[in-house]
Amino acid sequence: MPSDTKAPSLLSATLASGSSLVLLQLFSRVITFVLNQALVRLVSPQVFGTTSIQFELLLSTILFLSREGVRNALLRAPSGAQESQDRKATNRLVTNVSLLPVLLGIPTALFSAFVYLGTSSSTTSSQPHFRTSVVLYVLAAFFELLSEPMYIRTQNELRFNVRIRAEGTAVLLKTMTTFLVLVGAQEEWALVAFALGQVAYGLTMLLSFAIACRDNLDFRPRRVTVTKHDHTESLLFEPALFKLSIAMTGQSVVKHFLTEGDKFLVSRLSPLADQGGYAVAANYGSLIARIVFQPIEETARVFFSKTLSVASPDIPPSETKPDGQQSQAQKQALHTAATVLLTLLLAFTHLLLLAVTFGPPFLPLAAALLLPRKYLATSAPAILHVYVYYIPMMAFNGVLEAFFASAASPADLRAQSRWMLLFSAGFVGAAVGLARGLGMGDAGLVWANVANLALRAGYAWGFVRRFFEERGVGEVVRWRRAVPPVSVLTVFAAAAAVVRASARKYGDVPMTLGAQKGHLATGVVCLFACLLTCAISERKTVGQLLASLRGAR
């Protein structure tokens, strides 16, 4: 496919995907937020901790280890609608690779479930219908894995709307199922209610993707005869993508521990009631991250994978071009990727400023208004304070690792894995030291995760710099382009001083909207001043980005 046709369709598709994913996350998280408001009042902290920490950790372990490496690798597969024999052969080989998550999922699910059941504390396993709930969560995970080949196909065909509809429907049915079972059944069935909701989610995902791919549901693995350099061979998998999938799947073990390390440690170090408090705080604290930053990260991964496929040597070529034209296409791809990456980092820097400036002075009021009274005595309030710093770091790390996953070679992945092993050891040491040694409890685990994400983001940024420098365009990723001007930093510093002085003034006032209205008014004025300064100072940057995107369209 000619590059001048492919680029606009890719950009418009990924932009549409990003906005749709944000709307999907907004829809799903609003529903989940409303449901959680009811659930935390319907179930005990022990049940909520078991389902939201331990069961969710079991589910994410099965899914992440089985599919994440293959999913990220296959984003680099050639996309398009050409029907040449070479393209058909490549598509069949890619389809064969997309079956790996299903094959990996069976042993991963069984092993994870047996380990979890064998290591669960007596307090956890003695809850009513505990083992039945675990089996249902494993079944739900397998339903999702069965849909993975169809998910990969629709993603590579840039049919992002399929995922939007599937996840939106699945989230709705999951929340309705959980809520109805909780309301209609006795309290002893609480764990089963959450498990049945997850089964409804997995089954809906499978059926939705099956309907979307109903014209071609033939996913049987088949060998393909390929001729290269006058040599004919029979292949089952596309060699480069298969090698990359294996490398990324191996790395996912370490990456999963670093991503979910706090939940691993909470499930082992904290009592069930505090696990419930941790889950509530995480649900509230990560609301913005899941609505905005998760869709941005996923969309960026697709965009970078497709855009940088022109400049990456590890991707099977889908079409060839004359040397001059290929060089120009590479240069354009690199500049586009750098512009998008630095713009996202600049936006996240502004987010960090907003969080640090306004988060700590207003969190006590927010916690008093949002948290149920029985959770105020748990670790939830302290954890929410740390999330002020955790959320921006999640955003930085997410987009930088999205770039890394889109451009890294197998050798890069092996090097990162070695560093991640070192980060893992540091994370465990810091987490135990902060939580137990310094008595910070669960909040110490989150602080250790903040440091872990900072190290991972720093490593990914180093890769970004090397990637562009090796291609002769290192000047396009200067870090100063991701830092706001001095005027913005000055206004935020002044606002931080003002709202903290106001917080001290209203510290002894009851935590109600009426009693705290003066403090709130101060915050609104300072927030308006900060946003106005950002709009004025960054209008040139935003204008250049919009012009670039309009030109690319």
Protein backbone atom coordinates (compact mmCIF):
# COMPACT_ATOMS: atom_id res chain seq x y z
CA MET A 1 0.00 0.00 0.00
CA PRO A 2 1.43 3.42 -0.83
CA SER A 3 2.64 5.35 2.12
CA ASP A 4 0.68 8.47 1.31
CA THR A 5 -2.51 6.46 1.59
CA LYS A 6 -1.52 4.43 4.62
CA ALA A 7 -0.33 7.30 6.81
CA PRO A 8 -3.54 9.35 6.83
CA SER A 9 -5.70 6.28 7.43
CA LEU A 10 -3.42 5.20 10.28
CA LEU A 11 -3.37 8.61 11.91
CA SER A 12 -7.10 9.20 11.59
CA ALA A 13 -7.83 5.67 12.78
CA THR A 14 -5.59 5.93 15.84
CA LEU A 15 -6.90 9.39 16.73
CA ALA A 16 -10.46 8.11 16.43
CA SER A 17 -9.47 5.08 18.48
CA GLY A 18 -7.93 7.26 21.19
CA SER A 19 -10.99 9.47 21.57
CA SER A 20 -13.33 6.46 21.45
CA LEU A 21 -11.29 4.62 24.08
CA VAL A 22 -11.41 7.65 26.34
CA LEU A 23 -15.20 7.74 25.95
CA LEU A 24 -15.36 3.99 26.55
CA GLN A 25 -13.27 4.30 29.69
CA LEU A 26 -15.37 7.25 30.84
CA PHE A 27 -18.53 5.21 30.31
CA SER A 28 -17.16 2.06 31.94
CA ARG A 29 -15.49 3.84 34.86
CA VAL A 30 -18.56 5.94 35.64
CA ILE A 31 -20.61 2.75 35.75
CA THR A 32 -17.93 1.00 37.80
CA PHE A 33 -17.64 4.01 40.12
CA VAL A 34 -21.39 4.07 40.74
CA LEU A 35 -21.40 0.31 41.26
CA ASN A 36 -18.46 0.48 43.65
CA GLN A 37 -20.26 3.12 45.66
CA ALA A 38 -23.02 0.57 46.16
CA LEU A 39 -20.71 -2.43 46.51
CA VAL A 40 -18.55 -0.97 49.27
CA ARG A 41 -21.76 -0.54 51.24
CA LEU A 42 -23.19 -3.95 50.36
CA VAL A 43 -20.12 -6.08 51.10
CA SER A 44 -17.52 -6.16 53.83
CA PRO A 45 -13.96 -4.86 53.35
CA GLN A 46 -12.82 -8.50 53.53
CA VAL A 47 -14.92 -9.53 50.52
CA PHE A 48 -14.00 -6.41 48.59
CA GLY A 49 -10.31 -7.00 49.31
CA THR A 50 -10.51 -10.62 48.17
CA THR A 51 -12.21 -9.81 44.87
CA SER A 52 -10.54 -6.52 44.00
CA ILE A 53 -7.01 -7.46 45.06
CA GLN A 54 -6.59 -11.23 45.04
CA PHE A 55 -9.07 -12.37 42.38
CA GLU A 56 -8.19 -9.46 40.10
CA LEU A 57 -4.51 -10.28 40.56
CA LEU A 58 -5.17 -13.91 39.60
CA LEU A 59 -7.10 -12.78 36.51
CA SER A 60 -4.50 -10.24 35.40
CA THR A 61 -1.69 -12.78 35.92
CA ILE A 62 -3.34 -15.30 33.60
CA LEU A 63 -4.20 -12.73 30.93
CA PHE A 64 -0.97 -10.72 31.05
CA LEU A 65 1.41 -13.68 30.93
CA SER A 66 -0.58 -15.42 28.21
CA ARG A 67 -1.30 -12.61 25.78
CA GLU A 68 0.61 -9.39 26.45
CA GLY A 69 3.84 -10.35 24.67
CA VAL A 70 2.06 -11.72 21.60
CA ARG A 71 -0.35 -8.79 21.48
CA ASN A 72 2.43 -6.19 21.53
CA ALA A 73 4.55 -8.07 19.01
CA LEU A 74 1.71 -8.46 16.52
CA LEU A 75 0.98 -4.75 16.57
CA ARG A 76 4.02 -4.57 14.29
CA ALA A 77 2.45 -6.92 11.77
CA PRO A 78 1.76 -5.32 8.36
CA SER A 79 -1.72 -3.84 8.08
CA GLY A 80 -3.72 -3.08 5.02
CA ALA A 81 -6.16 -4.59 2.58
CA GLN A 82 -3.91 -5.88 -0.20
CA GLU A 83 -4.89 -9.34 -1.42
CA SER A 84 -1.64 -10.43 -3.05
CA GLN A 85 -0.36 -13.96 -2.47
CA ASP A 86 2.46 -12.63 -0.29
CA ARG A 87 0.00 -10.70 1.85
CA LYS A 88 -2.30 -13.72 2.21
CA ALA A 89 0.64 -15.87 3.26
CA THR A 90 1.78 -13.25 5.79
CA ASN A 91 -1.75 -12.93 7.18
CA ARG A 92 -1.98 -16.69 7.69
CA LEU A 93 1.38 -16.77 9.50
CA VAL A 94 0.30 -13.84 11.70
CA THR A 95 -2.98 -15.64 12.46
CA ASN A 96 -1.01 -18.69 13.57
CA VAL A 97 1.04 -16.54 15.97
CA SER A 98 -2.17 -14.99 17.33
CA LEU A 99 -3.24 -18.45 18.55
CA LEU A 100 -0.35 -18.60 21.02
CA PRO A 101 -2.24 -16.79 23.84
CA VAL A 102 -4.88 -19.54 23.82
CA LEU A 103 -2.23 -22.27 23.97
CA LEU A 104 -0.24 -20.44 26.64
CA GLY A 105 -3.38 -19.64 28.61
CA ILE A 106 -4.25 -23.25 29.50
CA PRO A 107 -1.08 -24.11 31.48
CA THR A 108 -0.80 -20.54 32.80
CA ALA A 109 -4.36 -20.59 34.13
CA LEU A 110 -4.02 -24.01 35.74
CA PHE A 111 -0.65 -23.23 37.30
CA SER A 112 -1.75 -19.80 38.59
CA ALA A 113 -4.96 -21.18 40.08
CA PHE A 114 -3.20 -24.08 41.85
CA VAL A 115 -0.51 -21.78 43.25
CA TYR A 116 -3.11 -19.28 44.45
CA LEU A 117 -5.30 -21.95 46.07
CA GLY A 118 -2.29 -23.56 47.70
CA THR A 119 -0.88 -20.34 49.14
CA SER A 120 -4.07 -18.55 50.22
CA SER A 121 -4.35 -17.88 53.94
CA SER A 122 -6.94 -19.72 55.99
CA THR A 123 -8.78 -16.42 56.55
CA THR A 124 -9.18 -15.99 52.80
CA SER A 125 -9.92 -19.59 51.80
CA SER A 126 -12.48 -20.10 54.58
CA GLN A 127 -14.86 -17.59 53.01
CA PRO A 128 -18.05 -19.14 51.58
CA HIS A 129 -17.75 -20.53 48.01
CA PHE A 130 -14.14 -19.40 47.73
CA ARG A 131 -12.95 -22.27 45.49
CA THR A 132 -16.01 -22.03 43.25
CA SER A 133 -15.29 -18.34 42.73
CA VAL A 134 -11.66 -19.06 41.81
CA VAL A 135 -12.78 -21.61 39.19
CA LEU A 136 -15.22 -19.08 37.72
CA TYR A 137 -12.47 -16.42 37.46
CA VAL A 138 -10.24 -18.91 35.63
CA LEU A 139 -13.12 -19.72 33.26
CA ALA A 140 -13.65 -16.00 32.65
CA ALA A 141 -9.98 -15.57 31.81
CA PHE A 142 -10.14 -18.44 29.31
CA PHE A 143 -13.16 -16.87 27.57
CA GLU A 144 -11.14 -13.69 27.10
CA LEU A 145 -8.15 -15.62 25.77
CA LEU A 146 -10.36 -17.39 23.20
CA SER A 147 -11.25 -13.97 21.79
CA GLU A 148 -7.60 -12.91 21.50
CA PRO A 149 -6.97 -14.07 17.89
CA MET A 150 -10.03 -12.10 16.79
CA TYR A 151 -8.95 -9.09 18.85
CA ILE A 152 -5.53 -9.10 17.18
CA ARG A 153 -7.08 -9.39 13.72
CA THR A 154 -9.40 -6.43 14.22
CA GLN A 155 -6.59 -4.31 15.70
CA ASN A 156 -4.29 -4.97 12.76
CA GLU A 157 -7.13 -4.21 10.37
CA LEU A 158 -7.56 -0.87 12.22
CA ARG A 159 -11.14 -1.84 13.14
CA PHE A 160 -10.90 -0.22 16.57
CA ASN A 161 -14.67 0.23 16.76
CA VAL A 162 -15.07 -3.52 17.32
CA ARG A 163 -13.19 -3.35 20.59
CA ILE A 164 -15.06 -0.23 21.67
CA ARG A 165 -18.44 -1.92 21.27
CA ALA A 166 -17.28 -5.21 22.77
CA GLU A 167 -15.76 -3.72 25.93
CA GLY A 168 -18.61 -1.27 26.43
CA THR A 169 -21.20 -4.06 26.30
CA ALA A 170 -19.05 -6.37 28.45
CA VAL A 171 -18.55 -3.77 31.19
CA LEU A 172 -22.28 -3.05 31.31
CA LEU A 173 -23.21 -6.73 31.61
CA LYS A 174 -20.49 -7.37 34.18
CA THR A 175 -21.66 -4.59 36.47
CA MET A 176 -25.33 -5.52 36.09
CA THR A 177 -24.65 -9.21 36.79
CA THR A 178 -22.55 -8.49 39.89
CA PHE A 179 -25.03 -6.01 41.32
CA LEU A 180 -28.12 -8.16 40.67
CA VAL A 181 -26.59 -11.27 42.25
CA LEU A 182 -25.45 -9.27 45.27
CA VAL A 183 -28.89 -7.76 45.76
CA GLY A 184 -30.85 -10.93 45.06
CA ALA A 185 -28.72 -13.54 46.82
CA GLN A 186 -27.67 -14.01 50.42
CA GLU A 187 -24.47 -12.46 51.74
CA GLU A 188 -22.58 -15.76 51.57
CA TRP A 189 -22.72 -15.60 47.74
CA ALA A 190 -20.83 -12.28 47.56
CA LEU A 191 -17.65 -13.80 46.12
CA VAL A 192 -19.66 -15.74 43.52
CA ALA A 193 -21.44 -12.53 42.50
CA PHE A 194 -18.14 -10.91 41.51
CA ALA A 195 -17.03 -14.11 39.77
CA LEU A 196 -20.23 -14.39 37.74
CA GLY A 197 -19.85 -10.75 36.72
CA GLN A 198 -16.36 -11.53 35.40
CA VAL A 199 -17.65 -14.57 33.53
CA ALA A 200 -20.30 -12.39 31.91
CA TYR A 201 -17.54 -9.97 30.85
CA GLY A 202 -15.35 -12.68 29.31
CA LEU A 203 -18.21 -14.41 27.52
CA THR A 204 -19.49 -11.11 26.12
CA MET A 205 -16.03 -10.26 24.78
CA LEU A 206 -15.80 -13.65 23.07
CA LEU A 207 -19.24 -13.42 21.47
CA SER A 208 -18.76 -9.81 20.40
CA PHE A 209 -15.50 -10.53 18.58
CA ALA A 210 -16.92 -13.73 17.08
CA ILE A 211 -19.80 -11.73 15.60
CA ALA A 212 -17.39 -9.08 14.27
CA CYS A 213 -15.23 -11.77 12.59
CA ARG A 214 -18.11 -14.03 11.53
CA ASP A 215 -17.15 -13.78 7.84
CA ASN A 216 -13.91 -15.63 8.56
CA LEU A 217 -13.73 -17.66 11.77
CA ASP A 218 -11.19 -20.13 10.42
CA PHE A 219 -8.33 -19.81 12.91
CA ARG A 220 -6.95 -23.33 12.48
CA PRO A 221 -3.15 -23.28 12.35
CA ARG A 222 -1.85 -24.07 8.87
CA ARG A 223 1.58 -24.25 7.37
CA VAL A 224 2.41 -21.83 4.57
CA THR A 225 4.92 -22.40 1.78
CA VAL A 226 7.10 -19.31 1.35
CA THR A 227 9.78 -18.65 -1.26
CA LYS A 228 12.69 -16.42 -0.22
CA HIS A 229 15.82 -15.88 -2.27
CA ASP A 230 14.98 -18.87 -4.51
CA HIS A 231 14.59 -21.05 -1.43
CA THR A 232 11.22 -22.61 -0.58
CA GLU A 233 10.33 -23.50 2.99
CA SER A 234 7.22 -24.47 4.94
CA LEU A 235 6.49 -22.17 7.87
CA LEU A 236 3.98 -22.30 10.70
CA PHE A 237 4.80 -18.86 12.18
CA GLU A 238 6.21 -15.64 10.74
CA PRO A 239 9.81 -15.96 12.02
CA ALA A 240 10.52 -12.35 13.07
CA LEU A 241 7.16 -11.85 14.79
CA PHE A 242 7.34 -15.26 16.46
CA LYS A 243 10.81 -14.50 17.82
CA LEU A 244 9.62 -11.09 19.04
CA SER A 245 6.51 -12.65 20.63
CA ILE A 246 8.61 -15.15 22.57
CA ALA A 247 10.99 -12.40 23.75
CA MET A 248 8.13 -10.16 24.87
CA THR A 249 6.28 -13.02 26.57
CA GLY A 250 9.39 -13.96 28.53
CA GLN A 251 9.87 -10.36 29.58
CA SER A 252 6.21 -10.08 30.63
CA VAL A 253 6.90 -12.23 33.72
CA VAL A 254 9.20 -9.60 35.21
CA LYS A 255 7.11 -6.72 33.88
CA HIS A 256 3.94 -8.16 35.40
CA PHE A 257 5.56 -8.40 38.82
CA LEU A 258 6.72 -4.79 38.58
CA THR A 259 3.29 -3.63 37.39
CA GLU A 260 1.28 -5.57 39.97
CA GLY A 261 3.96 -5.82 42.64
CA ASP A 262 2.03 -3.73 45.13
CA LYS A 263 -0.96 -6.08 44.87
CA PHE A 264 1.30 -9.11 45.30
CA LEU A 265 2.72 -7.67 48.50
CA VAL A 266 -0.60 -6.31 49.80
CA SER A 267 -2.19 -9.75 49.34
CA ARG A 268 0.60 -11.28 51.43
CA LEU A 269 1.46 -8.60 53.99
CA SER A 270 -1.87 -6.95 54.81
CA PRO A 271 -4.99 -8.26 56.57
CA LEU A 272 -8.12 -8.64 54.41
CA ALA A 273 -9.76 -5.50 55.83
CA ASP A 274 -6.78 -3.38 54.81
CA GLN A 275 -6.78 -5.10 51.41
CA GLY A 276 -10.33 -3.84 51.03
CA GLY A 277 -9.20 -0.34 51.97
CA TYR A 278 -6.34 -0.58 49.48
CA ALA A 279 -8.75 -1.69 46.75
CA VAL A 280 -11.14 1.20 47.44
CA ALA A 281 -8.29 3.72 47.41
CA ALA A 282 -6.91 2.23 44.19
CA ASN A 283 -10.32 2.40 42.53
CA TYR A 284 -10.73 6.06 43.46
CA GLY A 285 -7.11 7.01 42.90
CA SER A 286 -6.75 5.39 39.50
CA LEU A 287 -10.06 6.64 38.13
CA ILE A 288 -8.45 9.40 36.04
CA ALA A 289 -5.59 7.13 35.02
CA ARG A 290 -7.97 4.50 33.68
CA ILE A 291 -10.29 6.95 31.95
CA VAL A 292 -7.60 9.00 30.20
CA PHE A 293 -4.12 7.51 30.43
CA GLN A 294 -4.84 3.85 29.75
CA PRO A 295 -6.56 4.67 26.41
CA ILE A 296 -3.72 7.05 25.53
CA GLU A 297 -1.13 4.38 26.29
CA GLU A 298 -2.92 1.71 24.26
CA THR A 299 -3.53 4.06 21.34
CA ALA A 300 0.08 5.27 21.45
CA ARG A 301 1.31 1.68 21.33
CA VAL A 302 -0.71 1.04 18.15
CA PHE A 303 0.34 4.35 16.60
CA PHE A 304 4.05 3.99 17.37
CA SER A 305 4.09 0.34 16.24
CA LYS A 306 2.60 1.15 12.86
CA THR A 307 4.44 4.45 12.36
CA LEU A 308 7.87 3.13 13.33
CA SER A 309 7.51 -0.10 11.34
CA VAL A 310 9.00 1.85 8.43
CA ALA A 311 12.16 2.56 10.43
CA SER A 312 12.52 -0.73 12.34
CA PRO A 313 14.66 -3.53 10.91
CA ASP A 314 12.93 -6.34 12.79
CA ILE A 315 9.61 -6.17 11.00
CA PRO A 316 8.78 -8.33 8.02
CA PRO A 317 8.53 -6.00 5.02
CA SER A 318 5.10 -5.67 3.54
CA GLU A 319 6.16 -3.61 0.60
CA THR A 320 9.35 -2.21 -0.84
CA LYS A 321 10.17 1.25 -2.10
CA PRO A 322 13.03 2.94 -3.89
CA ASP A 323 15.87 3.96 -1.57
CA GLY A 324 15.18 7.68 -1.73
CA GLN A 325 11.48 7.33 -1.11
CA GLN A 326 12.07 4.87 1.75
CA SER A 327 14.52 7.28 3.38
CA GLN A 328 12.01 10.11 3.19
CA ALA A 329 9.29 7.88 4.62
CA GLN A 330 11.57 6.91 7.51
CA LYS A 331 12.41 10.53 8.27
CA GLN A 332 8.76 11.56 8.25
CA ALA A 333 7.82 8.62 10.49
CA LEU A 334 10.53 9.49 13.02
CA HIS A 335 9.55 13.16 13.20
CA THR A 336 5.86 12.29 13.56
CA ALA A 337 6.56 9.81 16.34
CA ALA A 338 8.81 12.29 18.18
CA THR A 339 6.20 15.06 17.95
CA VAL A 340 3.43 12.85 19.35
CA LEU A 341 5.65 11.46 22.12
CA LEU A 342 6.95 14.83 23.34
CA THR A 343 3.49 16.40 23.19
CA LEU A 344 2.14 13.63 25.41
CA LEU A 345 5.05 14.03 27.84
CA LEU A 346 4.45 17.79 27.98
CA ALA A 347 0.77 17.18 28.76
CA PHE A 348 1.73 14.75 31.53
CA THR A 349 4.15 17.28 33.00
CA HIS A 350 1.24 19.70 33.32
CA LEU A 351 -0.75 16.92 34.97
CA LEU A 352 2.05 16.41 37.50
CA LEU A 353 2.03 20.11 38.32
CA LEU A 354 -1.75 20.09 38.81
CA ALA A 355 -1.65 16.98 40.99
CA VAL A 356 1.18 18.16 43.23
CA THR A 357 -0.23 21.67 43.54
CA PHE A 358 -3.87 20.87 44.33
CA GLY A 359 -3.89 17.23 45.45
CA PRO A 360 -2.50 17.28 49.01
CA PRO A 361 -4.42 20.40 50.20
CA PHE A 362 -7.81 19.05 49.08
CA LEU A 363 -7.49 15.29 49.60
CA PRO A 364 -8.72 15.30 53.23
CA LEU A 365 -11.99 16.88 52.13
CA ALA A 366 -12.34 14.55 49.16
CA ALA A 367 -11.69 11.47 51.30
CA ALA A 368 -14.23 12.57 53.90
CA LEU A 369 -16.87 13.09 51.21
CA LEU A 370 -16.24 10.00 49.05
CA LEU A 371 -15.03 7.19 51.31
CA PRO A 372 -17.60 5.21 53.30
CA ARG A 373 -17.09 5.74 57.02
CA LYS A 374 -15.96 2.15 57.66
CA TYR A 375 -13.09 2.62 55.19
CA LEU A 376 -11.77 5.80 56.83
CA ALA A 377 -10.19 3.61 59.51
CA THR A 378 -8.32 1.52 56.92
CA SER A 379 -5.25 2.42 54.89
CA ALA A 380 -7.38 4.05 52.16
CA PRO A 381 -6.85 7.76 53.10
CA ALA A 382 -3.05 7.39 53.35
CA ILE A 383 -2.92 5.54 50.02
CA LEU A 384 -4.94 8.26 48.28
CA HIS A 385 -2.32 10.83 49.32
CA VAL A 386 0.40 8.82 47.59
CA TYR A 387 -1.73 8.48 44.45
CA VAL A 388 -1.21 12.20 43.87
CA TYR A 389 2.30 11.28 42.75
CA TYR A 390 1.58 7.78 41.54
CA ILE A 391 -0.91 8.75 38.81
CA PRO A 392 1.39 11.17 36.91
CA MET A 393 4.23 8.66 37.14
CA MET A 394 1.93 6.00 35.68
CA ALA A 395 1.24 8.35 32.77
CA PHE A 396 4.93 9.06 32.06
CA ASN A 397 5.91 5.41 32.30
CA GLY A 398 2.94 4.22 30.26
CA VAL A 399 3.62 6.27 27.15
CA LEU A 400 7.41 5.80 27.31
CA GLU A 401 7.07 2.04 27.62
CA ALA A 402 4.49 2.11 24.82
CA PHE A 403 7.21 3.60 22.60
CA PHE A 404 9.75 1.06 23.83
CA ALA A 405 7.41 -1.87 23.14
CA SER A 406 6.74 -0.50 19.66
CA ALA A 407 10.37 -0.04 18.62
CA ALA A 408 12.52 -2.43 20.67
CA SER A 409 14.33 -5.34 19.07
CA PRO A 410 14.66 -8.73 20.82
CA ALA A 411 18.14 -7.66 21.97
CA ASP A 412 16.66 -4.47 23.47
CA LEU A 413 14.03 -6.56 25.26
CA ARG A 414 16.67 -8.85 26.75
CA ALA A 415 18.66 -5.86 27.99
CA GLN A 416 15.54 -4.31 29.52
CA SER A 417 14.67 -7.61 31.20
CA ARG A 418 18.04 -7.65 32.98
CA TRP A 419 17.44 -4.14 34.26
CA MET A 420 13.90 -5.04 35.29
CA LEU A 421 15.24 -7.86 37.43
CA LEU A 422 17.35 -5.28 39.24
CA PHE A 423 14.33 -2.95 39.54
CA SER A 424 12.30 -5.86 40.95
CA ALA A 425 14.84 -6.51 43.69
CA GLY A 426 14.95 -2.81 44.52
CA PHE A 427 11.15 -2.61 44.56
CA VAL A 428 10.78 -5.52 46.99
CA GLY A 429 13.46 -4.12 49.26
CA ALA A 430 12.00 -0.61 49.21
CA ALA A 431 8.43 -1.88 49.68
CA VAL A 432 9.24 -4.03 52.70
CA GLY A 433 11.51 -1.35 54.16
CA LEU A 434 8.91 1.41 53.81
CA ALA A 435 5.89 -0.67 54.80
CA ARG A 436 7.43 -2.55 57.71
CA GLY A 437 10.73 -0.85 58.57
CA LEU A 438 9.41 2.73 58.56
CA GLY A 439 5.87 1.79 59.55
CA MET A 440 4.23 3.38 56.51
CA GLY A 441 1.98 0.37 55.91
CA ASP A 442 0.29 -0.01 52.53
CA ALA A 443 1.15 3.58 51.61
CA GLY A 444 4.81 2.52 51.68
CA LEU A 445 4.07 -0.07 48.99
CA VAL A 446 2.66 2.62 46.73
CA TRP A 447 5.68 4.87 47.35
CA ALA A 448 7.92 1.96 46.34
CA ASN A 449 5.84 1.61 43.18
CA VAL A 450 6.30 5.32 42.42
CA ALA A 451 10.07 4.85 42.58
CA ASN A 452 9.81 1.70 40.48
CA LEU A 453 7.82 3.50 37.76
CA ALA A 454 10.30 6.39 37.80
CA LEU A 455 13.20 4.00 37.18
CA ARG A 456 11.35 2.22 34.39
CA ALA A 457 10.39 5.52 32.77
CA GLY A 458 14.00 6.69 33.00
CA TYR A 459 15.22 3.53 31.29
CA ALA A 460 12.63 3.89 28.52
CA TRP A 461 13.60 7.56 28.01
CA GLY A 462 17.22 6.49 27.60
CA PHE A 463 16.09 4.05 24.91
CA VAL A 464 14.11 6.80 23.17
CA ARG A 465 17.20 9.02 23.03
CA ARG A 466 19.38 6.20 21.65
CA PHE A 467 16.74 5.17 19.13
CA PHE A 468 16.57 8.61 17.52
CA GLU A 469 20.30 9.31 17.79
CA GLU A 470 21.16 6.06 16.01
CA ARG A 471 18.95 7.21 13.16
CA GLY A 472 20.57 10.62 12.92
CA VAL A 473 17.70 12.69 14.33
CA GLY A 474 18.58 12.87 18.02
CA GLU A 475 17.79 16.59 18.12
CA VAL A 476 14.02 15.94 17.77
CA VAL A 477 13.72 14.47 21.29
CA ARG A 478 15.26 17.13 23.52
CA TRP A 479 13.84 16.80 27.04
CA ARG A 480 13.26 20.56 27.31
CA ARG A 481 10.40 20.21 24.82
CA ALA A 482 8.52 18.24 27.50
CA VAL A 483 8.97 20.91 30.22
CA PRO A 484 6.59 23.90 30.57
CA PRO A 485 8.03 27.44 30.37
CA VAL A 486 9.22 29.32 33.44
CA SER A 487 6.02 31.41 33.58
CA VAL A 488 3.91 28.28 34.04
CA LEU A 489 6.21 26.87 36.73
CA THR A 490 6.16 30.20 38.60
CA VAL A 491 2.35 30.42 38.66
CA PHE A 492 2.02 26.83 39.85
CA ALA A 493 4.54 27.45 42.64
CA ALA A 494 2.60 30.51 43.80
CA ALA A 495 -0.70 28.62 43.65
CA ALA A 496 0.79 25.77 45.68
CA ALA A 497 1.83 28.17 48.42
CA VAL A 498 -1.60 29.84 48.51
CA VAL A 499 -3.70 26.64 48.67
CA ARG A 500 -1.44 25.13 51.35
CA ALA A 501 -1.81 28.24 53.47
CA SER A 502 -5.58 27.96 53.00
CA ALA A 503 -5.48 24.27 53.99
CA ARG A 504 -3.70 25.14 57.24
CA LYS A 505 -6.28 27.86 57.94
CA TYR A 506 -9.20 25.44 57.46
CA GLY A 507 -7.47 22.44 59.05
CA ASP A 508 -9.63 22.47 62.19
CA VAL A 509 -12.89 23.17 60.33
CA PRO A 510 -15.32 20.22 59.80
CA MET A 511 -14.78 18.39 56.50
CA THR A 512 -18.04 19.40 54.83
CA LEU A 513 -18.68 21.40 51.68
CA GLY A 514 -20.36 24.21 53.59
CA ALA A 515 -17.66 24.57 56.22
CA GLN A 516 -14.85 24.33 53.65
CA LYS A 517 -16.37 26.67 51.04
CA GLY A 518 -13.68 29.33 51.60
CA HIS A 519 -10.94 26.77 51.04
CA LEU A 520 -12.70 25.52 47.92
CA ALA A 521 -13.10 29.05 46.56
CA THR A 522 -9.38 29.66 47.01
CA GLY A 523 -8.63 26.46 45.13
CA VAL A 524 -10.96 27.36 42.24
CA VAL A 525 -9.34 30.78 41.80
CA CYS A 526 -5.83 29.32 41.86
CA LEU A 527 -6.80 26.54 39.48
CA PHE A 528 -8.27 29.05 37.01
CA ALA A 529 -5.07 31.13 37.17
CA CYS A 530 -2.94 28.05 36.48
CA LEU A 531 -5.07 26.86 33.57
CA LEU A 532 -5.17 30.34 32.05
CA THR A 533 -1.38 30.61 32.24
CA CYS A 534 -1.02 27.18 30.62
CA ALA A 535 -3.39 28.15 27.81
CA ILE A 536 -1.53 31.36 27.10
CA SER A 537 1.98 29.95 27.41
CA GLU A 538 1.38 26.74 25.49
CA ARG A 539 -0.90 28.02 22.73
CA LYS A 540 1.99 28.02 20.25
CA THR A 541 2.85 24.39 21.03
CA VAL A 542 -0.78 23.31 20.75
CA GLY A 543 -1.17 25.25 17.51
CA GLN A 544 1.88 23.57 16.00
CA LEU A 545 0.59 20.15 17.00
CA LEU A 546 -2.86 20.77 15.53
CA ALA A 547 -1.32 22.09 12.33
CA SER A 548 0.88 19.02 12.11
CA LEU A 549 -2.04 16.68 12.62
CA ARG A 550 -4.20 18.53 10.09
CA GLY A 551 -1.35 18.31 7.61
CA ALA A 552 -0.93 14.62 8.28
CA ARG A 553 -4.59 13.96 7.72
